[in-house]
PDB file of N, CA and C in Angstrom:
ATOM      1  N   UNK A   1      10.874  10.257 -18.561  1.00  0.00           N
ATOM      2  CA  UNK A   1      10.042  10.578 -17.413  1.00  0.00           C
ATOM      3  C   UNK A   1       8.760   9.750 -17.497  1.00  0.00           C
ATOM      4  N   UNK A   2       8.371   9.066 -16.387  1.00  0.00           N
ATOM      5  CA  UNK A   2       7.157   8.263 -16.433  1.00  0.00           C
ATOM      6  C   UNK A   2       5.922   9.133 -16.578  1.00  0.00           C
ATOM      7  N   UNK A   3       4.853   8.583 -17.162  1.00  0.00           N
ATOM      8  CA  UNK A   3       3.633   9.376 -17.319  1.00  0.00           C
ATOM      9  C   UNK A   3       3.018   9.717 -15.967  1.00  0.00           C
ATOM     10  N   UNK A   4       2.349  10.845 -15.901  1.00  0.00           N
ATOM     11  CA  UNK A   4       1.666  11.254 -14.665  1.00  0.00           C
ATOM     12  C   UNK A   4       0.516  10.308 -14.374  1.00  0.00           C
ATOM     13  N   UNK A   5       0.276  10.095 -13.101  1.00  0.00           N
ATOM     14  CA  UNK A   5      -0.845   9.264 -12.681  1.00  0.00           C
ATOM     15  C   UNK A   5      -1.673  10.045 -11.684  1.00  0.00           C
ATOM     16  N   UNK A   6      -2.814   9.481 -11.323  1.00  0.00           N
ATOM     17  CA  UNK A   6      -3.651  10.100 -10.304  1.00  0.00           C
ATOM     18  C   UNK A   6      -3.192   9.722  -8.905  1.00  0.00           C
ATOM     19  N   UNK A   7      -2.210   8.837  -8.807  1.00  0.00           N
ATOM     20  CA  UNK A   7      -1.741   8.379  -7.505  1.00  0.00           C
ATOM     21  C   UNK A   7      -0.880   9.456  -6.836  1.00  0.00           C
ATOM     22  N   UNK A   8      -0.983   9.555  -5.514  1.00  0.00           N
ATOM     23  CA  UNK A   8      -0.159  10.533  -4.799  1.00  0.00           C
ATOM     24  C   UNK A   8       1.287  10.046  -4.693  1.00  0.00           C
ATOM     25  N   UNK A   9       2.203  10.989  -4.554  1.00  0.00           N
ATOM     26  CA  UNK A   9       3.581  10.630  -4.252  1.00  0.00           C
ATOM     27  C   UNK A   9       3.701  10.267  -2.778  1.00  0.00           C
ATOM     28  N   UNK A  10       3.031  11.054  -1.931  1.00  0.00           N
ATOM     29  CA  UNK A  10       3.062  10.810  -0.489  1.00  0.00           C
ATOM     30  C   UNK A  10       1.660  10.899   0.088  1.00  0.00           C
ATOM     31  N   UNK A  11       1.481  10.203   1.192  1.00  0.00           N
ATOM     32  CA  UNK A  11       0.232  10.228   1.946  1.00  0.00           C
ATOM     33  C   UNK A  11       0.558  10.920   3.259  1.00  0.00           C
ATOM     34  N   UNK A  12      -0.178  11.959   3.617  1.00  0.00           N
ATOM     35  CA  UNK A  12       0.112  12.746   4.806  1.00  0.00           C
ATOM     36  C   UNK A  12      -0.877  12.410   5.921  1.00  0.00           C
ATOM     37  N   UNK A  13      -0.332  11.954   7.051  1.00  0.00           N
ATOM     38  CA  UNK A  13      -1.146  11.591   8.211  1.00  0.00           C
ATOM     39  C   UNK A  13      -0.829  12.550   9.359  1.00  0.00           C
ATOM     40  N   UNK A  14      -1.877  13.015  10.038  1.00  0.00           N
ATOM     41  CA  UNK A  14      -1.712  14.019  11.090  1.00  0.00           C
ATOM     42  C   UNK A  14      -2.908  13.958  12.024  1.00  0.00           C
ATOM     43  N   UNK A  15      -2.816  14.657  13.164  1.00  0.00           N
ATOM     44  CA  UNK A  15      -3.976  14.758  14.053  1.00  0.00           C
ATOM     45  C   UNK A  15      -4.719  16.049  13.728  1.00  0.00           C
ATOM     46  N   UNK A  16      -5.980  16.081  14.023  1.00  0.00           N
ATOM     47  CA  UNK A  16      -6.807  17.261  13.724  1.00  0.00           C
ATOM     48  C   UNK A  16      -6.227  18.528  14.331  1.00  0.00           C
ATOM     49  N   UNK A  17      -5.640  18.424  15.512  1.00  0.00           N
ATOM     50  CA  UNK A  17      -5.101  19.627  16.152  1.00  0.00           C
ATOM     51  C   UNK A  17      -3.891  20.187  15.395  1.00  0.00           C
ATOM     52  N   UNK A  18      -3.298  19.378  14.520  1.00  0.00           N
ATOM     53  CA  UNK A  18      -2.142  19.806  13.739  1.00  0.00           C
ATOM     54  C   UNK A  18      -2.504  20.108  12.277  1.00  0.00           C
ATOM     55  N   UNK A  19      -3.785  20.352  12.032  1.00  0.00           N
ATOM     56  CA  UNK A  19      -4.242  20.537  10.661  1.00  0.00           C
ATOM     57  C   UNK A  19      -3.542  21.693   9.956  1.00  0.00           C
ATOM     58  N   UNK A  20      -3.327  22.808  10.643  1.00  0.00           N
ATOM     59  CA  UNK A  20      -2.671  23.953  10.007  1.00  0.00           C
ATOM     60  C   UNK A  20      -1.264  23.582   9.538  1.00  0.00           C
ATOM     61  N   UNK A  21      -0.518  22.866  10.368  1.00  0.00           N
ATOM     62  CA  UNK A  21       0.837  22.438   9.988  1.00  0.00           C
ATOM     63  C   UNK A  21       0.774  21.461   8.820  1.00  0.00           C
ATOM     64  N   UNK A  22      -0.213  20.573   8.825  1.00  0.00           N
ATOM     65  CA  UNK A  22      -0.369  19.603   7.736  1.00  0.00           C
ATOM     66  C   UNK A  22      -0.670  20.309   6.414  1.00  0.00           C
ATOM     67  N   UNK A  23      -1.568  21.270   6.453  1.00  0.00           N
ATOM     68  CA  UNK A  23      -1.905  22.014   5.239  1.00  0.00           C
ATOM     69  C   UNK A  23      -0.702  22.792   4.717  1.00  0.00           C
ATOM     70  N   UNK A  24       0.063  23.383   5.618  1.00  0.00           N
ATOM     71  CA  UNK A  24       1.260  24.134   5.224  1.00  0.00           C
ATOM     72  C   UNK A  24       2.273  23.202   4.561  1.00  0.00           C
ATOM     73  N   UNK A  25       2.515  22.031   5.167  1.00  0.00           N
ATOM     74  CA  UNK A  25       3.455  21.080   4.584  1.00  0.00           C
ATOM     75  C   UNK A  25       2.949  20.590   3.228  1.00  0.00           C
ATOM     76  N   UNK A  26       1.672  20.261   3.141  1.00  0.00           N
ATOM     77  CA  UNK A  26       1.100  19.784   1.875  1.00  0.00           C
ATOM     78  C   UNK A  26       1.244  20.848   0.786  1.00  0.00           C
ATOM     79  N   UNK A  27       0.937  22.084   1.109  1.00  0.00           N
ATOM     80  CA  UNK A  27       1.054  23.164   0.126  1.00  0.00           C
ATOM     81  C   UNK A  27       2.502  23.343  -0.323  1.00  0.00           C
ATOM     82  N   UNK A  28       3.435  23.249   0.616  1.00  0.00           N
ATOM     83  CA  UNK A  28       4.860  23.386   0.286  1.00  0.00           C
ATOM     84  C   UNK A  28       5.315  22.258  -0.629  1.00  0.00           C
ATOM     85  N   UNK A  29       4.932  21.022  -0.296  1.00  0.00           N
ATOM     86  CA  UNK A  29       5.312  19.883  -1.134  1.00  0.00           C
ATOM     87  C   UNK A  29       4.697  19.989  -2.527  1.00  0.00           C
ATOM     88  N   UNK A  30       3.422  20.353  -2.586  1.00  0.00           N
ATOM     89  CA  UNK A  30       2.748  20.460  -3.874  1.00  0.00           C
ATOM     90  C   UNK A  30       3.349  21.578  -4.732  1.00  0.00           C
ATOM     91  N   UNK A  31       3.834  22.633  -4.095  1.00  0.00           N
ATOM     92  CA  UNK A  31       4.445  23.744  -4.835  1.00  0.00           C
ATOM     93  C   UNK A  31       5.717  23.321  -5.569  1.00  0.00           C
ATOM     94  N   UNK A  32       6.357  22.259  -5.079  1.00  0.00           N
ATOM     95  CA  UNK A  32       7.566  21.763  -5.752  1.00  0.00           C
ATOM     96  C   UNK A  32       7.287  20.493  -6.553  1.00  0.00           C
ATOM     97  N   UNK A  33       6.008  20.188  -6.758  1.00  0.00           N
ATOM     98  CA  UNK A  33       5.640  19.093  -7.648  1.00  0.00           C
ATOM     99  C   UNK A  33       5.386  17.748  -7.008  1.00  0.00           C
ATOM    100  N   UNK A  34       5.343  17.683  -5.688  1.00  0.00           N
ATOM    101  CA  UNK A  34       5.049  16.423  -5.003  1.00  0.00           C
ATOM    102  C   UNK A  34       3.535  16.324  -4.818  1.00  0.00           C
ATOM    103  N   UNK A  35       2.943  15.242  -5.316  1.00  0.00           N
ATOM    104  CA  UNK A  35       1.497  15.046  -5.150  1.00  0.00           C
ATOM    105  C   UNK A  35       1.237  14.464  -3.760  1.00  0.00           C
ATOM    106  N   UNK A  36       0.346  15.113  -3.029  1.00  0.00           N
ATOM    107  CA  UNK A  36       0.082  14.760  -1.638  1.00  0.00           C
ATOM    108  C   UNK A  36      -1.358  14.289  -1.483  1.00  0.00           C
ATOM    109  N   UNK A  37      -1.544  13.122  -0.846  1.00  0.00           N
ATOM    110  CA  UNK A  37      -2.882  12.679  -0.470  1.00  0.00           C
ATOM    111  C   UNK A  37      -3.143  13.272   0.899  1.00  0.00           C
ATOM    112  N   UNK A  38      -4.194  14.049   0.977  1.00  0.00           N
ATOM    113  CA  UNK A  38      -4.601  14.684   2.224  1.00  0.00           C
ATOM    114  C   UNK A  38      -6.110  14.675   2.244  1.00  0.00           C
ATOM    115  N   UNK A  39      -6.689  14.558   3.406  1.00  0.00           N
ATOM    116  CA  UNK A  39      -8.141  14.408   3.486  1.00  0.00           C
ATOM    117  C   UNK A  39      -8.923  15.682   3.175  1.00  0.00           C
ATOM    118  N   UNK A  40      -8.324  16.619   2.501  1.00  0.00           N
ATOM    119  CA  UNK A  40      -9.065  17.813   2.073  1.00  0.00           C
ATOM    120  C   UNK A  40      -9.690  17.627   0.692  1.00  0.00           C
ATOM    121  N   UNK A  41      -9.340  16.537   0.023  1.00  0.00           N
ATOM    122  CA  UNK A  41      -9.877  16.265  -1.304  1.00  0.00           C
ATOM    123  C   UNK A  41     -11.254  15.621  -1.194  1.00  0.00           C
ATOM    124  N   UNK A  42     -12.195  16.008  -2.035  1.00  0.00           N
ATOM    125  CA  UNK A  42     -13.520  15.375  -1.997  1.00  0.00           C
ATOM    126  C   UNK A  42     -13.443  13.946  -2.520  1.00  0.00           C
ATOM    127  N   UNK A  43     -14.320  13.106  -2.005  1.00  0.00           N
ATOM    128  CA  UNK A  43     -14.415  11.747  -2.533  1.00  0.00           C
ATOM    129  C   UNK A  43     -15.799  11.576  -3.136  1.00  0.00           C
ATOM    130  N   UNK A  44     -15.907  10.646  -4.047  1.00  0.00           N
ATOM    131  CA  UNK A  44     -17.178  10.409  -4.731  1.00  0.00           C
ATOM    132  C   UNK A  44     -18.235   9.941  -3.736  1.00  0.00           C
ATOM    133  N   UNK A  45     -19.478  10.353  -3.959  1.00  0.00           N
ATOM    134  CA  UNK A  45     -20.581   9.920  -3.120  1.00  0.00           C
ATOM    135  C   UNK A  45     -20.661   8.403  -3.051  1.00  0.00           C
ATOM    136  N   UNK A  46     -20.908   7.888  -1.865  1.00  0.00           N
ATOM    137  CA  UNK A  46     -21.023   6.450  -1.676  1.00  0.00           C
ATOM    138  C   UNK A  46     -19.688   5.745  -1.498  1.00  0.00           C
ATOM    139  N   UNK A  47     -18.589   6.490  -1.596  1.00  0.00           N
ATOM    140  CA  UNK A  47     -17.269   5.903  -1.434  1.00  0.00           C
ATOM    141  C   UNK A  47     -16.894   5.893   0.042  1.00  0.00           C
ATOM    142  N   UNK A  48     -16.231   4.842   0.463  1.00  0.00           N
ATOM    143  CA  UNK A  48     -15.803   4.705   1.852  1.00  0.00           C
ATOM    144  C   UNK A  48     -14.472   5.413   2.074  1.00  0.00           C
ATOM    145  N   UNK A  49     -14.393   6.208   3.156  1.00  0.00           N
ATOM    146  CA  UNK A  49     -13.121   6.852   3.497  1.00  0.00           C
ATOM    147  C   UNK A  49     -12.054   5.799   3.730  1.00  0.00           C
ATOM    148  N   UNK A  50     -12.433   4.692   4.374  1.00  0.00           N
ATOM    149  CA  UNK A  50     -11.470   3.623   4.637  1.00  0.00           C
ATOM    150  C   UNK A  50     -10.855   3.104   3.352  1.00  0.00           C
ATOM    151  N   UNK A  51     -11.677   2.901   2.340  1.00  0.00           N
ATOM    152  CA  UNK A  51     -11.179   2.429   1.046  1.00  0.00           C
ATOM    153  C   UNK A  51     -10.270   3.472   0.416  1.00  0.00           C
ATOM    154  N   UNK A  52     -10.653   4.730   0.493  1.00  0.00           N
ATOM    155  CA  UNK A  52      -9.830   5.805  -0.059  1.00  0.00           C
ATOM    156  C   UNK A  52      -8.460   5.861   0.630  1.00  0.00           C
ATOM    157  N   UNK A  53      -8.453   5.678   1.933  1.00  0.00           N
ATOM    158  CA  UNK A  53      -7.199   5.699   2.680  1.00  0.00           C
ATOM    159  C   UNK A  53      -6.310   4.537   2.258  1.00  0.00           C
ATOM    160  N   UNK A  54      -6.876   3.343   2.186  1.00  0.00           N
ATOM    161  CA  UNK A  54      -6.096   2.175   1.766  1.00  0.00           C
ATOM    162  C   UNK A  54      -5.532   2.390   0.367  1.00  0.00           C
ATOM    163  N   UNK A  55      -6.354   2.836  -0.562  1.00  0.00           N
ATOM    164  CA  UNK A  55      -5.891   3.056  -1.931  1.00  0.00           C
ATOM    165  C   UNK A  55      -4.836   4.154  -1.996  1.00  0.00           C
ATOM    166  N   UNK A  56      -5.003   5.199  -1.190  1.00  0.00           N
ATOM    167  CA  UNK A  56      -4.011   6.275  -1.155  1.00  0.00           C
ATOM    168  C   UNK A  56      -2.665   5.784  -0.670  1.00  0.00           C
ATOM    169  N   UNK A  57      -2.665   4.951   0.365  1.00  0.00           N
ATOM    170  CA  UNK A  57      -1.411   4.405   0.883  1.00  0.00           C
ATOM    171  C   UNK A  57      -0.816   3.401  -0.095  1.00  0.00           C
ATOM    172  N   UNK A  58      -1.655   2.547  -0.673  1.00  0.00           N
ATOM    173  CA  UNK A  58      -1.148   1.583  -1.664  1.00  0.00           C
ATOM    174  C   UNK A  58      -0.489   2.289  -2.839  1.00  0.00           C
ATOM    175  N   UNK A  59      -1.031   3.425  -3.240  1.00  0.00           N
ATOM    176  CA  UNK A  59      -0.549   4.103  -4.425  1.00  0.00           C
ATOM    177  C   UNK A  59       0.593   5.074  -4.201  1.00  0.00           C
ATOM    178  N   UNK A  60       0.910   5.378  -2.951  1.00  0.00           N
ATOM    179  CA  UNK A  60       1.945   6.370  -2.685  1.00  0.00           C
ATOM    180  C   UNK A  60       3.332   5.737  -2.599  1.00  0.00           C
ATOM    181  N   UNK A  61       4.326   6.586  -2.567  1.00  0.00           N
ATOM    182  CA  UNK A  61       5.701   6.144  -2.369  1.00  0.00           C
ATOM    183  C   UNK A  61       6.037   6.087  -0.891  1.00  0.00           C
ATOM    184  N   UNK A  62       5.500   7.031  -0.118  1.00  0.00           N
ATOM    185  CA  UNK A  62       5.811   7.097   1.313  1.00  0.00           C
ATOM    186  C   UNK A  62       4.642   7.684   2.093  1.00  0.00           C
ATOM    187  N   UNK A  63       4.551   7.261   3.346  1.00  0.00           N
ATOM    188  CA  UNK A  63       3.588   7.789   4.305  1.00  0.00           C
ATOM    189  C   UNK A  63       4.345   8.788   5.165  1.00  0.00           C
ATOM    190  N   UNK A  64       3.917  10.050   5.162  1.00  0.00           N
ATOM    191  CA  UNK A  64       4.517  11.067   6.026  1.00  0.00           C
ATOM    192  C   UNK A  64       3.628  11.213   7.243  1.00  0.00           C
ATOM    193  N   UNK A  65       4.244  11.156   8.422  1.00  0.00           N
ATOM    194  CA  UNK A  65       3.499  11.275   9.676  1.00  0.00           C
ATOM    195  C   UNK A  65       3.966  12.523  10.404  1.00  0.00           C
ATOM    196  N   UNK A  66       3.053  13.466  10.629  1.00  0.00           N
ATOM    197  CA  UNK A  66       3.376  14.639  11.439  1.00  0.00           C
ATOM    198  C   UNK A  66       3.303  14.199  12.894  1.00  0.00           C
ATOM    199  N   UNK A  67       4.434  14.110  13.553  1.00  0.00           N
ATOM    200  CA  UNK A  67       4.512  13.499  14.877  1.00  0.00           C
ATOM    201  C   UNK A  67       4.295  14.493  16.012  1.00  0.00           C
ATOM    202  N   UNK A  68       3.258  14.205  16.778  1.00  0.00           N
ATOM    203  CA  UNK A  68       2.937  14.911  18.008  1.00  0.00           C
ATOM    204  C   UNK A  68       2.441  13.848  18.978  1.00  0.00           C
ATOM    205  N   UNK A  69       2.330  14.170  20.272  1.00  0.00           N
ATOM    206  CA  UNK A  69       1.787  13.170  21.200  1.00  0.00           C
ATOM    207  C   UNK A  69       0.401  12.664  20.780  1.00  0.00           C
ATOM    208  N   UNK A  70      -0.454  13.550  20.266  1.00  0.00           N
ATOM    209  CA  UNK A  70      -1.796  13.126  19.839  1.00  0.00           C
ATOM    210  C   UNK A  70      -1.719  12.107  18.714  1.00  0.00           C
ATOM    211  N   UNK A  71      -0.812  12.292  17.781  1.00  0.00           N
ATOM    212  CA  UNK A  71      -0.659  11.355  16.666  1.00  0.00           C
ATOM    213  C   UNK A  71      -0.195   9.999  17.177  1.00  0.00           C
ATOM    214  N   UNK A  72       0.748  10.006  18.108  1.00  0.00           N
ATOM    215  CA  UNK A  72       1.290   8.742  18.608  1.00  0.00           C
ATOM    216  C   UNK A  72       0.255   7.943  19.397  1.00  0.00           C
ATOM    217  N   UNK A  73      -0.775   8.597  19.876  1.00  0.00           N
ATOM    218  CA  UNK A  73      -1.841   7.908  20.594  1.00  0.00           C
ATOM    219  C   UNK A  73      -2.977   7.463  19.676  1.00  0.00           C
ATOM    220  N   UNK A  74      -2.914   7.840  18.429  1.00  0.00           N
ATOM    221  CA  UNK A  74      -4.011   7.582  17.501  1.00  0.00           C
ATOM    222  C   UNK A  74      -3.991   6.152  16.952  1.00  0.00           C
ATOM    223  N   UNK A  75      -5.067   5.442  17.181  1.00  0.00           N
ATOM    224  CA  UNK A  75      -5.227   4.099  16.609  1.00  0.00           C
ATOM    225  C   UNK A  75      -5.220   4.174  15.081  1.00  0.00           C
ATOM    226  N   UNK A  76      -5.832   5.221  14.534  1.00  0.00           N
ATOM    227  CA  UNK A  76      -5.887   5.378  13.073  1.00  0.00           C
ATOM    228  C   UNK A  76      -4.496   5.522  12.474  1.00  0.00           C
ATOM    229  N   UNK A  77      -3.625   6.276  13.133  1.00  0.00           N
ATOM    230  CA  UNK A  77      -2.270   6.449  12.614  1.00  0.00           C
ATOM    231  C   UNK A  77      -1.528   5.120  12.666  1.00  0.00           C
ATOM    232  N   UNK A  78      -1.658   4.376  13.749  1.00  0.00           N
ATOM    233  CA  UNK A  78      -1.008   3.055  13.826  1.00  0.00           C
ATOM    234  C   UNK A  78      -1.505   2.153  12.703  1.00  0.00           C
ATOM    235  N   UNK A  79      -2.792   2.220  12.389  1.00  0.00           N
ATOM    236  CA  UNK A  79      -3.329   1.420  11.288  1.00  0.00           C
ATOM    237  C   UNK A  79      -2.741   1.868   9.945  1.00  0.00           C
ATOM    238  N   UNK A  80      -2.560   3.157   9.768  1.00  0.00           N
ATOM    239  CA  UNK A  80      -1.958   3.650   8.519  1.00  0.00           C
ATOM    240  C   UNK A  80      -0.516   3.171   8.391  1.00  0.00           C
ATOM    241  N   UNK A  81       0.225   3.185   9.494  1.00  0.00           N
ATOM    242  CA  UNK A  81       1.603   2.686   9.469  1.00  0.00           C
ATOM    243  C   UNK A  81       1.610   1.195   9.135  1.00  0.00           C
ATOM    244  N   UNK A  82       0.686   0.443   9.706  1.00  0.00           N
ATOM    245  CA  UNK A  82       0.604  -0.989   9.392  1.00  0.00           C
ATOM    246  C   UNK A  82       0.265  -1.208   7.918  1.00  0.00           C
ATOM    247  N   UNK A  83      -0.594  -0.374   7.361  1.00  0.00           N
ATOM    248  CA  UNK A  83      -0.893  -0.465   5.924  1.00  0.00           C
ATOM    249  C   UNK A  83       0.353  -0.155   5.099  1.00  0.00           C
ATOM    250  N   UNK A  84       1.111   0.847   5.517  1.00  0.00           N
ATOM    251  CA  UNK A  84       2.351   1.175   4.800  1.00  0.00           C
ATOM    252  C   UNK A  84       3.294  -0.029   4.828  1.00  0.00           C
ATOM    253  N   UNK A  85       3.411  -0.682   5.967  1.00  0.00           N
ATOM    254  CA  UNK A  85       4.254  -1.890   6.054  1.00  0.00           C
ATOM    255  C   UNK A  85       3.727  -2.964   5.116  1.00  0.00           C
ATOM    256  N   UNK A  86       2.417  -3.182   5.160  1.00  0.00           N
ATOM    257  CA  UNK A  86       1.809  -4.238   4.337  1.00  0.00           C
ATOM    258  C   UNK A  86       2.094  -4.030   2.849  1.00  0.00           C
ATOM    259  N   UNK A  87       2.032  -2.786   2.412  1.00  0.00           N
ATOM    260  CA  UNK A  87       2.235  -2.485   0.991  1.00  0.00           C
ATOM    261  C   UNK A  87       3.659  -2.021   0.689  1.00  0.00           C
ATOM    262  N   UNK A  88       4.557  -2.272   1.633  1.00  0.00           N
ATOM    263  CA  UNK A  88       5.983  -1.977   1.480  1.00  0.00           C
ATOM    264  C   UNK A  88       6.249  -0.527   1.094  1.00  0.00           C
ATOM    265  N   UNK A  89       5.573   0.357   1.811  1.00  0.00           N
ATOM    266  CA  UNK A  89       5.777   1.791   1.626  1.00  0.00           C
ATOM    267  C   UNK A  89       6.568   2.309   2.829  1.00  0.00           C
ATOM    268  N   UNK A  90       7.501   3.176   2.565  1.00  0.00           N
ATOM    269  CA  UNK A  90       8.266   3.789   3.653  1.00  0.00           C
ATOM    270  C   UNK A  90       7.353   4.695   4.456  1.00  0.00           C
ATOM    271  N   UNK A  91       7.693   4.880   5.736  1.00  0.00           N
ATOM    272  CA  UNK A  91       7.013   5.933   6.481  1.00  0.00           C
ATOM    273  C   UNK A  91       8.065   6.869   7.031  1.00  0.00           C
ATOM    274  N   UNK A  92       7.754   8.164   6.934  1.00  0.00           N
ATOM    275  CA  UNK A  92       8.707   9.215   7.261  1.00  0.00           C
ATOM    276  C   UNK A  92       8.117  10.063   8.387  1.00  0.00           C
ATOM    277  N   UNK A  93       8.708   9.992   9.578  1.00  0.00           N
ATOM    278  CA  UNK A  93       8.210  10.853  10.660  1.00  0.00           C
ATOM    279  C   UNK A  93       8.739  12.278  10.499  1.00  0.00           C
ATOM    280  N   UNK A  94       7.858  13.243  10.619  1.00  0.00           N
ATOM    281  CA  UNK A  94       8.223  14.656  10.644  1.00  0.00           C
ATOM    282  C   UNK A  94       7.895  15.120  12.058  1.00  0.00           C
ATOM    283  N   UNK A  95       8.932  15.407  12.813  1.00  0.00           N
ATOM    284  CA  UNK A  95       8.785  15.686  14.237  1.00  0.00           C
ATOM    285  C   UNK A  95       8.324  17.127  14.472  1.00  0.00           C
ATOM    286  N   UNK A  96       7.064  17.283  14.875  1.00  0.00           N
ATOM    287  CA  UNK A  96       6.559  18.598  15.269  1.00  0.00           C
ATOM    288  C   UNK A  96       6.813  18.831  16.750  1.00  0.00           C
ATOM    289  N   UNK A  97       6.849  17.742  17.513  1.00  0.00           N
ATOM    290  CA  UNK A  97       7.119  17.786  18.944  1.00  0.00           C
ATOM    291  C   UNK A  97       7.890  16.524  19.308  1.00  0.00           C
ATOM    292  N   UNK A  98       8.591  16.578  20.438  1.00  0.00           N
ATOM    293  CA  UNK A  98       9.275  15.378  20.921  1.00  0.00           C
ATOM    294  C   UNK A  98       8.214  14.342  21.312  1.00  0.00           C
ATOM    295  N   UNK A  99       8.364  13.132  20.790  1.00  0.00           N
ATOM    296  CA  UNK A  99       7.405  12.067  21.082  1.00  0.00           C
ATOM    297  C   UNK A  99       8.140  10.745  21.250  1.00  0.00           C
ATOM    298  N   UNK A 100       7.460   9.818  21.901  1.00  0.00           N
ATOM    299  CA  UNK A 100       7.942   8.452  21.972  1.00  0.00           C
ATOM    300  C   UNK A 100       7.055   7.629  21.056  1.00  0.00           C
ATOM    301  N   UNK A 101       7.680   6.810  20.232  1.00  0.00           N
ATOM    302  CA  UNK A 101       6.926   5.987  19.322  1.00  0.00           C
ATOM    303  C   UNK A 101       6.347   4.787  20.059  1.00  0.00           C
ATOM    304  N   UNK A 102       5.061   4.471  19.819  1.00  0.00           N
ATOM    305  CA  UNK A 102       4.473   3.268  20.423  1.00  0.00           C
ATOM    306  C   UNK A 102       5.220   2.026  19.937  1.00  0.00           C
ATOM    307  N   UNK A 103       5.188   1.005  20.728  1.00  0.00           N
ATOM    308  CA  UNK A 103       5.879  -0.232  20.393  1.00  0.00           C
ATOM    309  C   UNK A 103       5.479  -0.750  19.007  1.00  0.00           C
ATOM    310  N   UNK A 104       4.220  -0.561  18.618  1.00  0.00           N
ATOM    311  CA  UNK A 104       3.737  -1.066  17.333  1.00  0.00           C
ATOM    312  C   UNK A 104       4.401  -0.399  16.132  1.00  0.00           C
ATOM    313  N   UNK A 105       5.060   0.744  16.317  1.00  0.00           N
ATOM    314  CA  UNK A 105       5.651   1.439  15.182  1.00  0.00           C
ATOM    315  C   UNK A 105       7.165   1.579  15.295  1.00  0.00           C
ATOM    316  N   UNK A 106       7.771   0.877  16.211  1.00  0.00           N
ATOM    317  CA  UNK A 106       9.232   0.958  16.349  1.00  0.00           C
ATOM    318  C   UNK A 106       9.897  -0.040  15.450  1.00  0.00           C
TER     319      UNK A 106
END
């Protein structure tokens, strides 16, 4: 078994309106031993959220996207998907509602 690291197994992306569902999924995954990067963790003073997000995606195995219409309209989510592509990380859509994927993520 490889040694434990501080890196997350998955990075969870969601819209603010879906925060309760995101927290529930994160808690469920963590209960079975999956380390989840979620923006509920504190970051060190003077650290950039953008840098933390990039490092979280670089270090994870997969980007999980809670899919709702609000998420599909989010520029930030599209940027996270592009980062996942750049660092050759899978992205896994979790469908909370029926949505159409923007052309940039198809």
